[in-house]
Amino acid sequence: MTYDFLYLKNEIAMQDTLIEKQKQILATIFGFAFASIGVLLLFVGCISGLISHEFKKNAVRAAGVVVATPDGGSHPMVRFTTAEGKAITYRQNGMIDGYSVGDQVTVLYSAKDPYDHQLDAFGAVYGNTCVLGCLGSLFFLVGTTEVFRNRQIKALNRIIDSFLAFVTSGRLIEGPDLLANRNR
């Protein structure tokens, strides 16, 4: 009867160890996935920033005026006239706020396509870049933290096992002996 109890206790302990290892593997996969998504978002953010910078550097500047603010100052309706004399009215998107009807603004537009336009404001030009960069950084930090936390837990477990083995047996156990002792 005692043998059956010890056998059952040993089986449960091995299952608990297996479940812990599976949890660590899943957490590591989760960490690598989040870190990879973060790197991808940072890459896309960098590309977006380069495109926005090139657009701003090569754009034609025109004076414009805010003609309406349907969302209370953010995403204003802007009217400007191109160098060729064509009047264009559009709704500005991006991370901008605080505009009132009648505000004088500078509009950036492509000489090849005047319908490719932006307000000359940081949020309008670089808003997407900032969002992608922040999200990418957040995903990368969460992912790498999860990966390194699991590695630190494994290292801490090895140190604790070595210390306990030293205290109980009077000798320091390192390397493969530590793993062999842990599985007993």
C-alpha atoms as a PDB file:
ATOM      1  CA  MET A   1       0.000   0.000   0.000  1.00  0.00           C
ATOM      2  CA  THR A   2       2.799   2.426   0.877  1.00  0.00           C
ATOM      3  CA  TYR A   3       4.533   1.604  -2.389  1.00  0.00           C
ATOM      4  CA  ASP A   4       1.405   2.505  -4.386  1.00  0.00           C
ATOM      5  CA  PHE A   5       1.108   5.804  -2.547  1.00  0.00           C
ATOM      6  CA  LEU A   6       4.755   6.713  -3.192  1.00  0.00           C
ATOM      7  CA  TYR A   7       4.429   5.663  -6.826  1.00  0.00           C
ATOM      8  CA  LEU A   8       1.308   7.825  -7.229  1.00  0.00           C
ATOM      9  CA  LYS A   9       2.986  10.766  -5.477  1.00  0.00           C
ATOM     10  CA  ASN A  10       5.991  10.436  -7.810  1.00  0.00           C
ATOM     11  CA  GLU A  11       3.712  10.300 -10.892  1.00  0.00           C
ATOM     12  CA  ILE A  12       1.875  13.455  -9.817  1.00  0.00           C
ATOM     13  CA  ALA A  13       5.189  15.255  -9.230  1.00  0.00           C
ATOM     14  CA  MET A  14       6.400  14.272 -12.716  1.00  0.00           C
ATOM     15  CA  GLN A  15       3.120  15.501 -14.270  1.00  0.00           C
ATOM     16  CA  ASP A  16       3.454  18.816 -12.409  1.00  0.00           C
ATOM     17  CA  THR A  17       7.013  19.165 -13.745  1.00  0.00           C
ATOM     18  CA  LEU A  18       5.818  18.399 -17.280  1.00  0.00           C
ATOM     19  CA  ILE A  19       3.024  20.980 -16.995  1.00  0.00           C
ATOM     20  CA  GLU A  20       5.515  23.593 -15.724  1.00  0.00           C
ATOM     21  CA  LYS A  21       7.846  22.885 -18.658  1.00  0.00           C
ATOM     22  CA  GLN A  22       4.924  23.193 -21.098  1.00  0.00           C
ATOM     23  CA  LYS A  23       3.944  26.531 -19.526  1.00  0.00           C
ATOM     24  CA  GLN A  24       7.514  27.800 -19.874  1.00  0.00           C
ATOM     25  CA  ILE A  25       7.682  26.699 -23.509  1.00  0.00           C
ATOM     26  CA  LEU A  26       4.365  28.416 -24.297  1.00  0.00           C
ATOM     27  CA  ALA A  27       5.465  31.571 -22.491  1.00  0.00           C
ATOM     28  CA  THR A  28       8.723  31.584 -24.477  1.00  0.00           C
ATOM     29  CA  ILE A  29       6.830  31.103 -27.766  1.00  0.00           C
ATOM     30  CA  PHE A  30       4.466  33.912 -26.739  1.00  0.00           C
ATOM     31  CA  GLY A  31       7.462  36.124 -25.952  1.00  0.00           C
ATOM     32  CA  PHE A  32       9.173  35.444 -29.268  1.00  0.00           C
ATOM     33  CA  ALA A  33       5.898  36.057 -31.153  1.00  0.00           C
ATOM     34  CA  PHE A  34       5.326  39.390 -29.407  1.00  0.00           C
ATOM     35  CA  ALA A  35       8.948  40.445 -29.927  1.00  0.00           C
ATOM     36  CA  SER A  36       8.722  39.503 -33.624  1.00  0.00           C
ATOM     37  CA  ILE A  37       5.522  41.511 -34.066  1.00  0.00           C
ATOM     38  CA  GLY A  38       7.269  44.405 -32.332  1.00  0.00           C
ATOM     39  CA  VAL A  39      10.235  44.248 -34.696  1.00  0.00           C
ATOM     40  CA  LEU A  40       7.872  44.145 -37.677  1.00  0.00           C
ATOM     41  CA  LEU A  41       5.922  47.184 -36.410  1.00  0.00           C
ATOM     42  CA  LEU A  42       9.166  49.071 -35.758  1.00  0.00           C
ATOM     43  CA  PHE A  43      10.358  48.241 -39.277  1.00  0.00           C
ATOM     44  CA  VAL A  44       7.082  49.426 -40.840  1.00  0.00           C
ATOM     45  CA  GLY A  45       7.241  52.543 -38.632  1.00  0.00           C
ATOM     46  CA  CYS A  46      10.748  53.318 -39.894  1.00  0.00           C
ATOM     47  CA  ILE A  47       9.641  52.897 -43.509  1.00  0.00           C
ATOM     48  CA  SER A  48       6.624  55.136 -42.829  1.00  0.00           C
ATOM     49  CA  GLY A  49       8.909  57.738 -41.272  1.00  0.00           C
ATOM     50  CA  LEU A  50      11.264  57.696 -44.247  1.00  0.00           C
ATOM     51  CA  ILE A  51       8.363  58.050 -46.694  1.00  0.00           C
ATOM     52  CA  SER A  52       6.903  60.926 -44.658  1.00  0.00           C
ATOM     53  CA  HIS A  53      10.293  62.641 -44.455  1.00  0.00           C
ATOM     54  CA  GLU A  54      10.811  62.357 -48.211  1.00  0.00           C
ATOM     55  CA  PHE A  55       7.290  63.673 -48.844  1.00  0.00           C
ATOM     56  CA  LYS A  56       7.877  66.674 -46.574  1.00  0.00           C
ATOM     57  CA  LYS A  57      11.289  67.365 -48.128  1.00  0.00           C
ATOM     58  CA  ASN A  58       9.981  67.288 -51.735  1.00  0.00           C
ATOM     59  CA  ALA A  59       6.484  68.726 -51.218  1.00  0.00           C
ATOM     60  CA  VAL A  60       5.238  72.030 -52.565  1.00  0.00           C
ATOM     61  CA  ARG A  61       4.012  74.383 -49.853  1.00  0.00           C
ATOM     62  CA  ALA A  62       0.784  76.333 -50.178  1.00  0.00           C
ATOM     63  CA  ALA A  63      -1.185  78.639 -47.917  1.00  0.00           C
ATOM     64  CA  GLY A  64      -4.458  77.156 -46.752  1.00  0.00           C
ATOM     65  CA  VAL A  65      -7.353  78.010 -44.489  1.00  0.00           C
ATOM     66  CA  VAL A  66      -9.515  75.893 -42.171  1.00  0.00           C
ATOM     67  CA  VAL A  67     -13.066  76.121 -43.543  1.00  0.00           C
ATOM     68  CA  ALA A  68     -14.830  73.759 -41.105  1.00  0.00           C
ATOM     69  CA  THR A  69     -14.185  71.754 -37.952  1.00  0.00           C
ATOM     70  CA  PRO A  70     -16.755  68.946 -37.935  1.00  0.00           C
ATOM     71  CA  ASP A  71     -15.001  67.172 -35.033  1.00  0.00           C
ATOM     72  CA  GLY A  72     -14.437  70.196 -32.813  1.00  0.00           C
ATOM     73  CA  GLY A  73     -10.923  71.146 -33.903  1.00  0.00           C
ATOM     74  CA  SER A  74      -9.490  67.801 -34.889  1.00  0.00           C
ATOM     75  CA  HIS A  75      -9.595  66.619 -38.504  1.00  0.00           C
ATOM     76  CA  PRO A  76     -10.436  70.035 -39.952  1.00  0.00           C
ATOM     77  CA  MET A  77     -11.672  70.724 -43.470  1.00  0.00           C
ATOM     78  CA  VAL A  78      -8.893  72.644 -45.236  1.00  0.00           C
ATOM     79  CA  ARG A  79      -8.969  74.610 -48.483  1.00  0.00           C
ATOM     80  CA  PHE A  80      -5.834  75.527 -50.411  1.00  0.00           C
ATOM     81  CA  THR A  81      -4.917  76.592 -53.939  1.00  0.00           C
ATOM     82  CA  THR A  82      -2.146  74.867 -55.898  1.00  0.00           C
ATOM     83  CA  ALA A  83       0.553  76.737 -57.806  1.00  0.00           C
ATOM     84  CA  GLU A  84      -1.480  76.015 -60.976  1.00  0.00           C
ATOM     85  CA  GLY A  85      -4.504  77.804 -59.466  1.00  0.00           C
ATOM     86  CA  LYS A  86      -6.616  74.728 -58.695  1.00  0.00           C
ATOM     87  CA  ALA A  87      -8.654  75.035 -55.457  1.00  0.00           C
ATOM     88  CA  ILE A  88      -8.777  71.858 -53.363  1.00  0.00           C
ATOM     89  CA  THR A  89     -10.777  71.252 -50.199  1.00  0.00           C
ATOM     90  CA  TYR A  90     -10.092  68.151 -48.104  1.00  0.00           C
ATOM     91  CA  ARG A  91     -10.473  66.722 -44.633  1.00  0.00           C
ATOM     92  CA  GLN A  92      -7.164  66.356 -42.795  1.00  0.00           C
ATOM     93  CA  ASN A  93      -6.570  63.165 -40.845  1.00  0.00           C
ATOM     94  CA  GLY A  94      -3.775  62.395 -38.436  1.00  0.00           C
ATOM     95  CA  MET A  95      -2.908  63.218 -34.873  1.00  0.00           C
ATOM     96  CA  ILE A  96      -3.839  66.892 -34.962  1.00  0.00           C
ATOM     97  CA  ASP A  97      -6.086  69.031 -32.798  1.00  0.00           C
ATOM     98  CA  GLY A  98      -6.853  72.598 -31.861  1.00  0.00           C
ATOM     99  CA  TYR A  99      -7.867  74.115 -35.194  1.00  0.00           C
ATOM    100  CA  SER A 100     -10.631  76.688 -35.570  1.00  0.00           C
ATOM    101  CA  VAL A 101     -12.508  77.936 -38.619  1.00  0.00           C
ATOM    102  CA  GLY A 102     -10.471  80.672 -40.298  1.00  0.00           C
ATOM    103  CA  ASP A 103      -7.047  79.469 -39.063  1.00  0.00           C
ATOM    104  CA  GLN A 104      -4.285  80.017 -41.607  1.00  0.00           C
ATOM    105  CA  VAL A 105      -2.310  76.795 -42.221  1.00  0.00           C
ATOM    106  CA  THR A 106       0.473  75.569 -44.466  1.00  0.00           C
ATOM    107  CA  VAL A 107      -0.389  72.632 -46.722  1.00  0.00           C
ATOM    108  CA  LEU A 108       2.201  70.289 -48.211  1.00  0.00           C
ATOM    109  CA  TYR A 109       1.297  68.614 -51.498  1.00  0.00           C
ATOM    110  CA  SER A 110       2.982  66.618 -54.224  1.00  0.00           C
ATOM    111  CA  ALA A 111       3.764  68.560 -57.414  1.00  0.00           C
ATOM    112  CA  LYS A 112       2.820  65.458 -59.427  1.00  0.00           C
ATOM    113  CA  ASP A 113      -0.466  64.844 -57.605  1.00  0.00           C
ATOM    114  CA  PRO A 114      -2.006  67.758 -55.677  1.00  0.00           C
ATOM    115  CA  TYR A 115      -4.480  65.316 -54.096  1.00  0.00           C
ATOM    116  CA  ASP A 116      -1.539  63.815 -52.197  1.00  0.00           C
ATOM    117  CA  HIS A 117      -1.509  66.431 -49.429  1.00  0.00           C
ATOM    118  CA  GLN A 118      -0.936  66.955 -45.701  1.00  0.00           C
ATOM    119  CA  LEU A 119      -0.995  69.832 -43.266  1.00  0.00           C
ATOM    120  CA  ASP A 120       2.485  70.959 -42.333  1.00  0.00           C
ATOM    121  CA  ALA A 121       1.992  69.734 -38.759  1.00  0.00           C
ATOM    122  CA  PHE A 122       3.968  67.052 -36.942  1.00  0.00           C
ATOM    123  CA  GLY A 123       0.922  64.891 -36.131  1.00  0.00           C
ATOM    124  CA  ALA A 124      -0.388  65.042 -39.688  1.00  0.00           C
ATOM    125  CA  VAL A 125       2.934  64.114 -41.275  1.00  0.00           C
ATOM    126  CA  TYR A 126       4.468  61.778 -38.662  1.00  0.00           C
ATOM    127  CA  GLY A 127       1.422  60.601 -36.657  1.00  0.00           C
ATOM    128  CA  ASN A 128       1.339  57.101 -38.159  1.00  0.00           C
ATOM    129  CA  THR A 129       5.076  56.753 -37.667  1.00  0.00           C
ATOM    130  CA  CYS A 130       4.751  57.604 -33.974  1.00  0.00           C
ATOM    131  CA  VAL A 131       1.878  55.168 -33.420  1.00  0.00           C
ATOM    132  CA  LEU A 132       3.722  52.333 -35.177  1.00  0.00           C
ATOM    133  CA  GLY A 133       6.918  53.098 -33.260  1.00  0.00           C
ATOM    134  CA  CYS A 134       5.166  53.138 -29.880  1.00  0.00           C
ATOM    135  CA  LEU A 135       3.224  49.936 -30.572  1.00  0.00           C
ATOM    136  CA  GLY A 136       6.333  48.222 -31.930  1.00  0.00           C
ATOM    137  CA  SER A 137       8.357  49.218 -28.867  1.00  0.00           C
ATOM    138  CA  LEU A 138       5.609  48.007 -26.532  1.00  0.00           C
ATOM    139  CA  PHE A 139       5.269  44.631 -28.280  1.00  0.00           C
ATOM    140  CA  PHE A 140       9.057  44.201 -28.394  1.00  0.00           C
ATOM    141  CA  LEU A 141       9.481  45.020 -24.693  1.00  0.00           C
ATOM    142  CA  VAL A 142       6.646  42.707 -23.604  1.00  0.00           C
ATOM    143  CA  GLY A 143       8.008  39.873 -25.744  1.00  0.00           C
ATOM    144  CA  THR A 144      11.640  40.166 -24.673  1.00  0.00           C
ATOM    145  CA  THR A 145      10.631  40.575 -21.033  1.00  0.00           C
ATOM    146  CA  GLU A 146       8.660  37.320 -21.221  1.00  0.00           C
ATOM    147  CA  VAL A 147      11.534  35.441 -22.887  1.00  0.00           C
ATOM    148  CA  PHE A 148      14.176  36.688 -20.441  1.00  0.00           C
ATOM    149  CA  ARG A 149      11.901  36.216 -17.421  1.00  0.00           C
ATOM    150  CA  ASN A 150      11.588  32.516 -18.268  1.00  0.00           C
ATOM    151  CA  ARG A 151      15.342  32.206 -18.679  1.00  0.00           C
ATOM    152  CA  GLN A 152      15.926  33.958 -15.353  1.00  0.00           C
ATOM    153  CA  ILE A 153      13.460  31.617 -13.645  1.00  0.00           C
ATOM    154  CA  LYS A 154      15.340  28.598 -15.010  1.00  0.00           C
ATOM    155  CA  ALA A 155      18.675  30.051 -13.835  1.00  0.00           C
ATOM    156  CA  LEU A 156      17.208  30.874 -10.414  1.00  0.00           C
ATOM    157  CA  ASN A 157      15.849  27.311 -10.105  1.00  0.00           C
ATOM    158  CA  ARG A 158      19.319  25.922 -10.851  1.00  0.00           C
ATOM    159  CA  ILE A 159      20.874  28.163  -8.189  1.00  0.00           C
ATOM    160  CA  ILE A 160      18.248  27.198  -5.600  1.00  0.00           C
ATOM    161  CA  ASP A 161      18.629  23.491  -6.386  1.00  0.00           C
ATOM    162  CA  SER A 162      22.396  23.754  -6.121  1.00  0.00           C
ATOM    163  CA  PHE A 163      22.140  25.582  -2.799  1.00  0.00           C
ATOM    164  CA  LEU A 164      19.649  23.056  -1.377  1.00  0.00           C
ATOM    165  CA  ALA A 165      21.782  20.147  -2.547  1.00  0.00           C
ATOM    166  CA  PHE A 166      24.842  21.743  -0.919  1.00  0.00           C
ATOM    167  CA  VAL A 167      23.012  22.321   2.361  1.00  0.00           C
ATOM    168  CA  THR A 168      21.610  18.786   2.495  1.00  0.00           C
ATOM    169  CA  SER A 169      24.631  16.852   1.220  1.00  0.00           C
ATOM    170  CA  GLY A 170      27.505  19.101   2.185  1.00  0.00           C
ATOM    171  CA  ARG A 171      28.904  19.356  -1.347  1.00  0.00           C
ATOM    172  CA  LEU A 172      28.305  21.771  -4.191  1.00  0.00           C
ATOM    173  CA  ILE A 173      26.567  20.280  -7.237  1.00  0.00           C
ATOM    174  CA  GLU A 174      27.098  21.951 -10.607  1.00  0.00           C
ATOM    175  CA  GLY A 175      26.417  21.325 -14.274  1.00  0.00           C
ATOM    176  CA  PRO A 176      25.122  17.898 -15.379  1.00  0.00           C
ATOM    177  CA  ASP A 177      25.216  16.575 -11.789  1.00  0.00           C
ATOM    178  CA  LEU A 178      22.724  19.239 -10.819  1.00  0.00           C
ATOM    179  CA  LEU A 179      20.305  18.143 -13.529  1.00  0.00           C
ATOM    180  CA  ALA A 180      20.762  14.473 -12.637  1.00  0.00           C
ATOM    181  CA  ASN A 181      20.149  15.249  -8.954  1.00  0.00           C
ATOM    182  CA  ARG A 182      17.040  17.267  -9.782  1.00  0.00           C
ATOM    183  CA  ASN A 183      15.441  14.427 -11.730  1.00  0.00           C
ATOM    184  CA  ARG A 184      15.794  11.945  -8.856  1.00  0.00           C
END
